[in-house]
Amino acid sequence: MKVAKWWQERENKILQCQLCPRNCLIKNNHKGFCGSRQNIEGTLFSLVYGYPVAINIDPIEKKPLFHFYPGSKIFSIGTIGCNLECKFCQNFEIARNNYERKRQDFVSPEDIVELAVNNECKSIAFTYNEPTVFGEYVSDIAKVAKKNNLKTIMVTNGYINEKPLKEIYKYIDAANIDLKSLSLEFYKDICDGKLDSVLDSIKMIFDLGVFIELTNLIIPGLNDDVAIVNYLLKWVKNNLSINVPIHFSAFHPDYKMRNIQRTPKSILDRIVDQAKILGFNYVYEGNVMTNTHDNTYCPKCQKLLIERQIFAVIENKLKEPFCTCGEKINIIL
């Protein structure tokens, strides 16, 4: 265990965690909502620091990140815990599991970086569960990674307070942020969270200069309505950029939502068309088989720049972030 950051002591050994918008009040010998931070005799500890339960080498496209070192390998780690409880969670085995049942051998930040370097990975991803809840571990790994010329990536729900956000993300190079809907009710009823906090975080991360891609998991009957999708797209257009890559991914039945059908590809096709009508330049489909909607095209001349199949880059024609027609592509190579 490691003493946590971002908390204050209240009365009677009650601690207030200030990592995320929940601002949990945690009694002695109790855990916060995320299950990864515990009050032990008046001190808040991170239970998961140094104890990843998932370590894998992935293609970076699996995060998904299509515009950040495409075709490269990424060293991915995750722990236990999450600060939301999405009823459709597809990683609930670790996001909502009990820390004591999942604890493994200690892996230091230096060990993580050494493993990434030895496996010829260009970057490290904090993923699988919500990386905000192991923010201390993220920061320490990212500091060591920078010294070894490795990039760092957050795959996140964006549910984080301003102070820890600024302290963590100053070491982060890129993020894929899961913007689940632009509906207050969706966040409250389906995710047990607050939309406004997520939108504020996305804008702050973008303004810090972190490279951003967004993911929107489309659930039939819940967040696929034309008006709701248009609202999301217009928010991104007005607050970020039409050059931010957006991934619309298909839902499959899981966790507490096993009674809802898998998202038909036809719905994703319609949403891609919506985004293009509004001027978005890089729109992708995820979790479905597609011949075109996982490729990157020049927004000006429509030349095929990067051809993909599932999570593999078949061909990358870009040697620099410009198409042969002169158009600048929002990509890091």
Protein backbone atom coordinates (compact mmCIF):
# COMPACT_ATOMS: atom_id res chain seq x y z
CA MET A 1 0.00 0.00 0.00
CA LYS A 2 1.01 3.60 -0.57
CA VAL A 3 -0.24 6.77 1.07
CA ALA A 4 -2.66 8.35 -1.38
CA LYS A 5 -2.66 11.91 -2.67
CA TRP A 6 -5.64 14.25 -3.05
CA TRP A 7 -7.54 13.96 0.24
CA GLN A 8 -8.30 15.93 3.40
CA GLU A 9 -9.04 14.92 6.98
CA ARG A 10 -12.47 15.71 8.40
CA GLU A 11 -13.86 15.02 11.88
CA ASN A 12 -13.64 11.69 13.76
CA LYS A 13 -11.03 10.17 11.43
CA ILE A 14 -13.35 10.64 8.45
CA LEU A 15 -11.40 11.45 5.28
CA GLN A 16 -12.63 13.14 2.13
CA CYS A 17 -11.08 11.80 -1.04
CA GLN A 18 -10.74 14.62 -3.57
CA LEU A 19 -9.56 12.62 -6.55
CA CYS A 20 -12.85 12.58 -8.46
CA PRO A 21 -16.22 14.38 -8.38
CA ARG A 22 -17.64 11.85 -5.92
CA ASN A 23 -15.53 13.44 -3.17
CA CYS A 24 -16.18 10.35 -1.03
CA LEU A 25 -16.38 10.76 2.75
CA ILE A 26 -14.62 7.63 3.99
CA LYS A 27 -14.94 6.34 7.54
CA ASN A 28 -12.07 4.63 9.33
CA ASN A 29 -11.30 1.18 7.86
CA HIS A 30 -13.70 1.78 4.94
CA LYS A 31 -13.04 2.16 1.23
CA GLY A 32 -14.24 4.80 -1.19
CA PHE A 33 -16.74 4.08 -3.97
CA CYS A 34 -13.97 2.96 -6.35
CA GLY A 35 -12.81 0.23 -3.95
CA SER A 36 -9.17 1.13 -4.46
CA ARG A 37 -8.62 3.73 -1.73
CA GLN A 38 -9.04 3.04 2.00
CA ASN A 39 -9.03 5.03 5.22
CA ILE A 40 -6.70 3.25 7.63
CA GLU A 41 -6.54 4.95 11.01
CA GLY A 42 -6.93 8.43 9.59
CA THR A 43 -4.67 8.10 6.53
CA LEU A 44 -5.90 7.43 3.01
CA PHE A 45 -4.03 4.67 1.20
CA SER A 46 -3.99 3.54 -2.42
CA LEU A 47 -4.57 -0.21 -2.19
CA VAL A 48 -3.72 -0.82 -5.84
CA TYR A 49 -0.43 1.06 -6.17
CA GLY A 50 2.05 -1.39 -7.68
CA TYR A 51 -0.49 -4.18 -8.10
CA PRO A 52 -1.68 -4.37 -11.71
CA VAL A 53 -4.04 -7.26 -12.37
CA ALA A 54 -3.85 -6.95 -16.17
CA ILE A 55 -0.62 -6.57 -18.16
CA ASN A 56 -0.62 -7.02 -21.93
CA ILE A 57 1.13 -5.93 -25.08
CA ASP A 58 -1.47 -4.55 -27.49
CA PRO A 59 -1.62 -2.81 -30.83
CA ILE A 60 -2.26 0.84 -30.05
CA GLU A 61 -5.35 0.66 -32.28
CA LYS A 62 -7.01 -1.50 -29.62
CA LYS A 63 -7.21 1.39 -27.11
CA PRO A 64 -8.59 2.72 -29.55
CA LEU A 65 -6.04 5.26 -30.77
CA PHE A 66 -5.84 5.56 -34.56
CA HIS A 67 -3.93 8.85 -34.83
CA PHE A 68 -1.18 8.41 -32.24
CA TYR A 69 1.79 6.38 -33.49
CA PRO A 70 -0.40 4.10 -35.65
CA GLY A 71 0.78 0.52 -36.00
CA SER A 72 2.93 0.65 -32.87
CA LYS A 73 2.92 -1.68 -29.86
CA ILE A 74 1.71 -0.41 -26.51
CA PHE A 75 2.33 -1.81 -23.04
CA SER A 76 -1.05 -1.89 -21.29
CA ILE A 77 -1.74 -2.14 -17.56
CA GLY A 78 -4.79 -1.96 -15.32
CA THR A 79 -5.66 -2.47 -11.66
CA ILE A 80 -8.88 -2.92 -9.68
CA GLY A 81 -11.57 -0.29 -9.31
CA CYS A 82 -13.63 2.38 -11.03
CA ASN A 83 -15.28 5.62 -9.95
CA LEU A 84 -18.36 5.05 -12.12
CA GLU A 85 -20.67 2.06 -12.20
CA CYS A 86 -21.85 1.75 -15.78
CA LYS A 87 -24.54 -0.89 -16.11
CA PHE A 88 -23.05 -1.90 -19.46
CA CYS A 89 -19.45 -2.23 -18.19
CA GLN A 90 -17.45 -4.63 -20.34
CA ASN A 91 -14.58 -4.91 -17.86
CA PHE A 92 -16.68 -5.28 -14.72
CA GLU A 93 -14.62 -8.25 -13.51
CA ILE A 94 -11.85 -5.86 -12.52
CA ALA A 95 -13.69 -2.53 -12.41
CA ARG A 96 -16.12 -3.70 -9.72
CA ASN A 97 -14.12 -6.53 -8.13
CA ASN A 98 -12.71 -6.81 -4.63
CA TYR A 99 -9.14 -5.70 -4.14
CA GLU A 100 -8.19 -8.46 -1.69
CA ARG A 101 -9.20 -11.23 -4.10
CA LYS A 102 -7.15 -9.83 -6.96
CA ARG A 103 -3.87 -8.70 -5.38
CA GLN A 104 -0.81 -9.96 -7.25
CA ASP A 105 2.95 -9.47 -6.84
CA PHE A 106 4.24 -5.91 -6.49
CA VAL A 107 5.40 -4.32 -9.76
CA SER A 108 7.27 -1.04 -9.35
CA PRO A 109 7.04 1.87 -11.82
CA GLU A 110 10.62 1.07 -12.86
CA ASP A 111 9.61 -2.56 -13.51
CA ILE A 112 6.71 -1.45 -15.73
CA VAL A 113 8.94 0.80 -17.81
CA GLU A 114 11.63 -1.88 -18.10
CA LEU A 115 9.06 -4.40 -19.32
CA ALA A 116 7.75 -1.91 -21.89
CA VAL A 117 11.26 -1.16 -23.18
CA ASN A 118 12.25 -4.84 -23.30
CA ASN A 119 9.13 -5.62 -25.33
CA GLU A 120 9.88 -2.82 -27.80
CA CYS A 121 6.75 -0.84 -26.99
CA LYS A 122 6.64 2.83 -27.94
CA SER A 123 4.20 3.75 -25.19
CA ILE A 124 2.44 2.69 -21.98
CA ALA A 125 -1.35 2.69 -21.64
CA PHE A 126 -3.23 2.97 -18.37
CA THR A 127 -6.37 1.10 -19.29
CA TYR A 128 -8.78 -1.82 -18.63
CA ASN A 129 -10.17 -0.23 -15.46
CA GLU A 130 -10.38 3.51 -14.78
CA PRO A 131 -6.79 4.80 -14.43
CA THR A 132 -7.87 7.84 -12.41
CA VAL A 133 -8.31 5.58 -9.36
CA PHE A 134 -4.64 4.59 -9.52
CA GLY A 135 -3.48 8.11 -10.31
CA GLU A 136 -0.46 7.96 -7.97
CA TYR A 137 0.83 4.86 -9.78
CA VAL A 138 0.10 6.46 -13.17
CA SER A 139 2.11 9.58 -12.29
CA ASP A 140 5.11 7.66 -10.99
CA ILE A 141 5.20 5.34 -14.01
CA ALA A 142 4.81 8.27 -16.41
CA LYS A 143 7.74 10.14 -14.83
CA VAL A 144 10.02 7.13 -15.33
CA ALA A 145 8.63 6.57 -18.83
CA LYS A 146 9.56 10.10 -19.89
CA LYS A 147 13.18 9.45 -18.88
CA ASN A 148 13.15 6.40 -21.18
CA ASN A 149 11.55 8.15 -24.19
CA LEU A 150 8.24 6.30 -23.80
CA LYS A 151 4.87 7.96 -24.39
CA THR A 152 2.03 7.58 -21.90
CA ILE A 153 -1.68 7.18 -22.59
CA MET A 154 -4.84 7.33 -20.47
CA VAL A 155 -7.88 5.32 -21.53
CA THR A 156 -10.38 7.01 -19.27
CA ASN A 157 -13.94 7.98 -18.44
CA GLY A 158 -12.78 11.54 -17.68
CA TYR A 159 -14.29 11.52 -14.18
CA ILE A 160 -11.64 13.43 -12.26
CA ASN A 161 -11.29 16.66 -10.29
CA GLU A 162 -9.29 19.62 -11.60
CA LYS A 163 -6.31 19.51 -9.22
CA PRO A 164 -5.41 15.83 -9.70
CA LEU A 165 -6.17 16.16 -13.42
CA LYS A 166 -3.56 18.87 -13.84
CA GLU A 167 -1.02 16.99 -11.71
CA ILE A 168 -1.47 13.68 -13.54
CA TYR A 169 -1.94 14.88 -17.12
CA LYS A 170 1.20 16.99 -17.19
CA TYR A 171 2.98 13.65 -17.66
CA ILE A 172 0.46 12.23 -20.18
CA ASP A 173 0.90 12.43 -23.95
CA ALA A 174 -2.45 11.14 -25.23
CA ALA A 175 -5.87 10.04 -24.04
CA ASN A 176 -8.86 8.20 -25.35
CA ILE A 177 -11.80 9.54 -23.38
CA ASP A 178 -15.09 7.69 -23.19
CA LEU A 179 -17.83 10.27 -23.69
CA LYS A 180 -20.84 8.07 -23.04
CA SER A 181 -23.63 10.46 -23.99
CA LEU A 182 -24.61 14.12 -23.83
CA SER A 183 -27.58 13.18 -21.65
CA LEU A 184 -27.60 14.12 -17.96
CA GLU A 185 -30.10 11.33 -17.30
CA PHE A 186 -27.92 8.74 -19.05
CA TYR A 187 -24.94 9.54 -16.83
CA LYS A 188 -27.09 9.61 -13.68
CA ASP A 189 -29.21 6.52 -14.31
CA ILE A 190 -26.85 4.29 -16.32
CA CYS A 191 -23.39 5.33 -15.05
CA ASP A 192 -24.07 6.77 -11.57
CA GLY A 193 -22.11 9.89 -12.47
CA LYS A 194 -22.39 13.52 -13.54
CA LEU A 195 -22.06 14.58 -17.18
CA ASP A 196 -20.92 18.16 -16.47
CA SER A 197 -17.84 16.91 -14.60
CA VAL A 198 -16.82 14.77 -17.58
CA LEU A 199 -17.29 17.62 -20.06
CA ASP A 200 -15.22 19.95 -17.88
CA SER A 201 -12.43 17.37 -17.70
CA ILE A 202 -12.41 16.77 -21.45
CA LYS A 203 -12.03 20.48 -22.11
CA MET A 204 -9.22 20.78 -19.55
CA ILE A 205 -7.33 17.80 -20.96
CA PHE A 206 -7.69 19.19 -24.48
CA ASP A 207 -6.54 22.66 -23.38
CA LEU A 208 -3.46 21.12 -21.71
CA GLY A 209 -2.33 19.98 -25.18
CA VAL A 210 -2.82 16.26 -24.58
CA PHE A 211 -3.60 14.46 -27.85
CA ILE A 212 -7.24 13.36 -27.63
CA GLU A 213 -9.43 10.78 -29.30
CA LEU A 214 -13.01 10.15 -28.14
CA THR A 215 -15.07 6.98 -27.91
CA ASN A 216 -18.86 6.83 -27.74
CA LEU A 217 -20.29 3.35 -27.05
CA ILE A 218 -23.65 3.23 -28.83
CA ILE A 219 -26.40 1.34 -26.97
CA PRO A 220 -29.65 0.76 -28.91
CA GLY A 221 -32.56 2.63 -27.38
CA LEU A 222 -30.43 4.51 -24.84
CA ASN A 223 -27.98 6.86 -26.55
CA ASP A 224 -28.41 6.22 -30.29
CA ASP A 225 -31.19 8.72 -30.92
CA VAL A 226 -30.40 11.11 -33.78
CA ALA A 227 -30.93 14.19 -31.61
CA ILE A 228 -28.76 12.89 -28.76
CA VAL A 229 -25.93 12.00 -31.13
CA ASN A 230 -26.22 15.39 -32.83
CA TYR A 231 -26.00 17.08 -29.44
CA LEU A 232 -22.79 15.17 -28.66
CA LEU A 233 -21.27 15.98 -32.03
CA LYS A 234 -22.10 19.67 -31.78
CA TRP A 235 -20.58 19.83 -28.29
CA VAL A 236 -17.32 18.33 -29.60
CA LYS A 237 -17.35 20.64 -32.61
CA ASN A 238 -17.94 23.76 -30.49
CA ASN A 239 -15.65 22.92 -27.58
CA LEU A 240 -12.86 20.84 -29.12
CA SER A 241 -12.43 20.42 -32.89
CA ILE A 242 -13.84 18.63 -35.92
CA ASN A 243 -10.33 17.16 -36.24
CA VAL A 244 -10.63 15.15 -33.02
CA PRO A 245 -10.93 11.48 -34.04
CA ILE A 246 -14.19 9.93 -32.78
CA HIS A 247 -14.83 6.20 -32.44
CA PHE A 248 -18.47 5.06 -32.37
CA SER A 249 -18.39 1.54 -30.96
CA ALA A 250 -20.97 -1.22 -30.90
CA PHE A 251 -22.37 -2.36 -27.56
CA HIS A 252 -22.60 -6.04 -26.67
CA PRO A 253 -24.75 -7.35 -23.78
CA ASP A 254 -22.78 -7.47 -20.53
CA TYR A 255 -22.82 -6.89 -16.75
CA LYS A 256 -26.27 -5.54 -15.78
CA MET A 257 -27.49 -4.98 -19.34
CA ARG A 258 -27.64 -8.45 -20.84
CA ASN A 259 -31.20 -7.96 -22.07
CA ILE A 260 -30.34 -5.33 -24.70
CA GLN A 261 -29.44 -6.34 -28.25
CA ARG A 262 -26.00 -5.88 -29.73
CA THR A 263 -25.71 -2.64 -31.70
CA PRO A 264 -26.46 -3.23 -35.41
CA LYS A 265 -23.84 -1.91 -37.81
CA SER A 266 -26.58 0.04 -39.60
CA ILE A 267 -26.89 2.33 -36.57
CA LEU A 268 -23.15 3.04 -36.57
CA ASP A 269 -23.27 3.70 -40.33
CA ARG A 270 -26.01 6.28 -39.78
CA ILE A 271 -24.04 7.97 -36.99
CA VAL A 272 -20.88 8.13 -39.13
CA ASP A 273 -22.94 9.88 -41.80
CA GLN A 274 -24.29 12.31 -39.17
CA ALA A 275 -20.77 13.19 -38.09
CA LYS A 276 -19.56 13.74 -41.63
CA ILE A 277 -22.51 16.02 -42.41
CA LEU A 278 -21.43 18.16 -39.44
CA GLY A 279 -17.91 18.35 -40.89
CA PHE A 280 -15.99 15.82 -38.77
CA ASN A 281 -12.88 14.62 -40.53
CA TYR A 282 -11.96 11.41 -38.72
CA VAL A 283 -14.87 9.17 -37.72
CA TYR A 284 -14.53 5.46 -37.04
CA GLU A 285 -16.61 2.42 -36.17
CA GLY A 286 -15.57 -0.01 -33.45
CA ASN A 287 -16.52 -3.54 -32.38
CA VAL A 288 -17.93 -4.35 -35.83
CA MET A 289 -16.53 -5.68 -39.10
CA THR A 290 -16.12 -2.86 -41.60
CA ASN A 291 -14.33 -2.40 -44.90
CA THR A 292 -14.01 1.36 -44.79
CA HIS A 293 -14.91 2.85 -41.41
CA ASP A 294 -11.67 1.85 -39.70
CA ASN A 295 -9.49 3.46 -42.39
CA THR A 296 -8.07 6.99 -42.31
CA TYR A 297 -8.73 9.17 -45.37
CA CYS A 298 -7.55 12.64 -46.25
CA PRO A 299 -10.43 15.01 -45.40
CA LYS A 300 -9.60 17.16 -48.44
CA CYS A 301 -8.91 14.79 -51.36
CA GLN A 302 -10.27 11.54 -49.78
CA LYS A 303 -7.07 9.62 -50.49
CA LEU A 304 -6.69 6.44 -48.43
CA LEU A 305 -3.87 7.21 -45.98
CA ILE A 306 -4.00 4.34 -43.48
CA GLU A 307 -5.69 1.02 -44.19
CA ARG A 308 -6.70 -1.08 -41.18
CA GLN A 309 -8.28 -4.44 -40.59
CA ILE A 310 -9.66 -4.99 -37.10
CA PHE A 311 -6.73 -3.71 -34.96
CA ALA A 312 -3.97 -4.19 -37.52
CA VAL A 313 -2.51 -1.51 -39.79
CA ILE A 314 -2.30 -3.07 -43.25
CA GLU A 315 -0.66 -0.06 -44.87
CA ASN A 316 0.36 3.39 -43.64
CA LYS A 317 1.15 5.76 -46.50
CA LEU A 318 1.99 8.68 -44.20
CA LYS A 319 5.65 9.45 -43.56
CA GLU A 320 4.80 12.91 -42.27
CA PRO A 321 1.52 14.44 -41.06
CA PHE A 322 0.57 15.74 -44.51
CA CYS A 323 -1.32 14.21 -47.40
CA THR A 324 0.26 14.44 -50.85
CA CYS A 325 -2.38 17.09 -51.65
CA GLY A 326 -0.90 19.30 -48.91
CA GLU A 327 -3.64 18.81 -46.32
CA LYS A 328 -2.36 18.66 -42.73
CA ILE A 329 -3.54 15.50 -40.97
CA ASN A 330 -4.26 15.53 -37.23
CA ILE A 331 -1.92 12.65 -36.44
CA ILE A 332 1.28 11.94 -34.52
CA LEU A 333 3.68 9.59 -36.30
